[in-house]
Amino acid sequence: MKKEITINDFSKHLFWDVDKSSFDLDIYKVQMISKVLEYGNWNDWTFLKEYYGLEIIKEVSLNLRSIDAVTLSYLSALFSIDVKEFRCYKHKQLVQNYWNS
């Protein structure tokens, strides 16, 4: 499933805070998937699917603490999973927003 995809194939703005020469896509898969889901473009998403496959992306995304609402809706529809099953949704419900009370 894994093709010859490296960190250099992804958008440069995703990795301004990491040393690309030592970034291992397998070791840091949670960070990689999180960054692409939150800040990546369609090409980044395509590379992500090719490298990890949908099953690993699903596992990781279900356990992320933060996903924006649009991405959460997309993942929910893609994987046919209710948004309430995602950790980020549960976490968001626990954190009270005092500004809009």
Protein backbone atom coordinates (compact mmCIF):
# COMPACT_ATOMS: atom_id res chain seq x y z
CA MET A 1 0.00 0.00 0.00
CA LYS A 2 2.85 2.36 0.76
CA LYS A 3 4.31 3.99 -2.31
CA GLU A 4 7.48 6.00 -2.69
CA ILE A 5 6.02 9.07 -1.05
CA THR A 6 8.22 11.29 1.11
CA ILE A 7 7.59 14.32 3.23
CA ASN A 8 8.81 16.45 0.34
CA ASP A 9 5.73 15.46 -1.69
CA PHE A 10 3.46 17.28 0.76
CA SER A 11 2.86 21.03 0.91
CA LYS A 12 5.73 22.95 2.47
CA HIS A 13 3.49 24.99 4.77
CA LEU A 14 2.54 21.85 6.70
CA PHE A 15 6.03 21.26 8.05
CA TRP A 16 7.47 24.64 8.92
CA ASP A 17 8.02 23.40 12.48
CA VAL A 18 9.78 20.08 11.86
CA ASP A 19 13.14 18.95 10.60
CA LYS A 20 12.24 17.28 7.30
CA SER A 21 15.49 15.34 7.14
CA SER A 22 14.64 13.38 10.29
CA PHE A 23 10.84 13.21 9.97
CA ASP A 24 9.74 9.60 9.57
CA LEU A 25 6.25 9.17 8.08
CA ASP A 26 5.74 5.88 9.92
CA ILE A 27 6.87 7.01 13.35
CA TYR A 28 4.97 10.31 13.25
CA LYS A 29 1.84 9.12 11.46
CA VAL A 30 -0.54 10.74 13.95
CA GLN A 31 1.12 14.12 13.54
CA MET A 32 1.23 13.69 9.76
CA ILE A 33 -2.43 12.75 9.43
CA SER A 34 -3.49 15.50 11.80
CA LYS A 35 -1.59 18.18 9.90
CA VAL A 36 -2.94 17.12 6.52
CA LEU A 37 -6.52 16.89 7.78
CA GLU A 38 -6.38 20.33 9.39
CA TYR A 39 -4.20 22.31 6.99
CA GLY A 40 -3.55 20.27 3.86
CA ASN A 41 -4.94 20.69 0.36
CA TRP A 42 -6.42 18.08 -1.96
CA ASN A 43 -3.01 16.91 -3.23
CA ASP A 44 -1.86 16.37 0.35
CA TRP A 45 -5.02 14.33 1.03
CA THR A 46 -4.32 12.21 -2.06
CA PHE A 47 -0.75 11.50 -0.96
CA LEU A 48 -1.99 10.71 2.55
CA LYS A 49 -4.49 8.14 1.24
CA GLU A 50 -1.88 6.55 -1.00
CA TYR A 51 0.69 6.27 1.77
CA TYR A 52 -1.41 5.21 4.77
CA GLY A 53 -4.66 3.93 3.30
CA LEU A 54 -8.13 4.79 4.54
CA GLU A 55 -8.17 2.29 7.39
CA ILE A 56 -5.18 3.84 9.19
CA ILE A 57 -6.50 7.37 8.53
CA LYS A 58 -9.81 6.26 10.04
CA GLU A 59 -8.14 4.82 13.16
CA VAL A 60 -6.07 7.94 13.73
CA SER A 61 -8.84 10.44 12.98
CA LEU A 62 -11.24 8.75 15.40
CA ASN A 63 -8.76 9.47 18.21
CA LEU A 64 -7.64 13.01 17.35
CA ARG A 65 -8.51 15.63 19.97
CA SER A 66 -9.08 18.38 17.44
CA ILE A 67 -10.60 18.38 13.95
CA ASP A 68 -12.39 21.34 12.41
CA ALA A 69 -16.13 20.98 11.75
CA VAL A 70 -15.87 20.70 7.96
CA THR A 71 -13.20 18.00 8.08
CA LEU A 72 -15.13 16.16 10.76
CA SER A 73 -18.25 16.13 8.58
CA TYR A 74 -16.23 14.91 5.59
CA LEU A 75 -14.61 12.09 7.56
CA SER A 76 -17.94 11.12 9.09
CA ALA A 77 -19.51 10.80 5.65
CA LEU A 78 -16.46 9.10 4.11
CA PHE A 79 -16.25 6.43 6.79
CA SER A 80 -20.02 6.24 7.45
CA ILE A 81 -19.45 6.92 11.14
CA ASP A 82 -21.57 9.18 13.30
CA VAL A 83 -19.70 12.34 14.36
CA LYS A 84 -20.41 11.42 17.98
CA GLU A 85 -17.95 8.52 17.66
CA PHE A 86 -14.99 10.87 17.06
CA ARG A 87 -12.97 11.81 20.13
CA CYS A 88 -12.77 15.44 19.01
CA TYR A 89 -16.57 15.67 19.04
CA LYS A 90 -16.79 14.25 22.55
CA HIS A 91 -13.98 16.52 23.72
CA LYS A 92 -15.67 19.58 22.23
CA GLN A 93 -18.86 18.78 24.14
CA LEU A 94 -16.95 18.63 27.42
CA VAL A 95 -15.28 22.03 26.98
CA GLN A 96 -17.69 24.83 27.79
CA ASN A 97 -17.60 27.93 25.65
CA TYR A 98 -18.17 30.80 28.06
CA TRP A 99 -18.13 33.45 25.35
CA ASN A 100 -21.38 32.22 23.81
CA SER A 101 -23.21 31.41 27.05
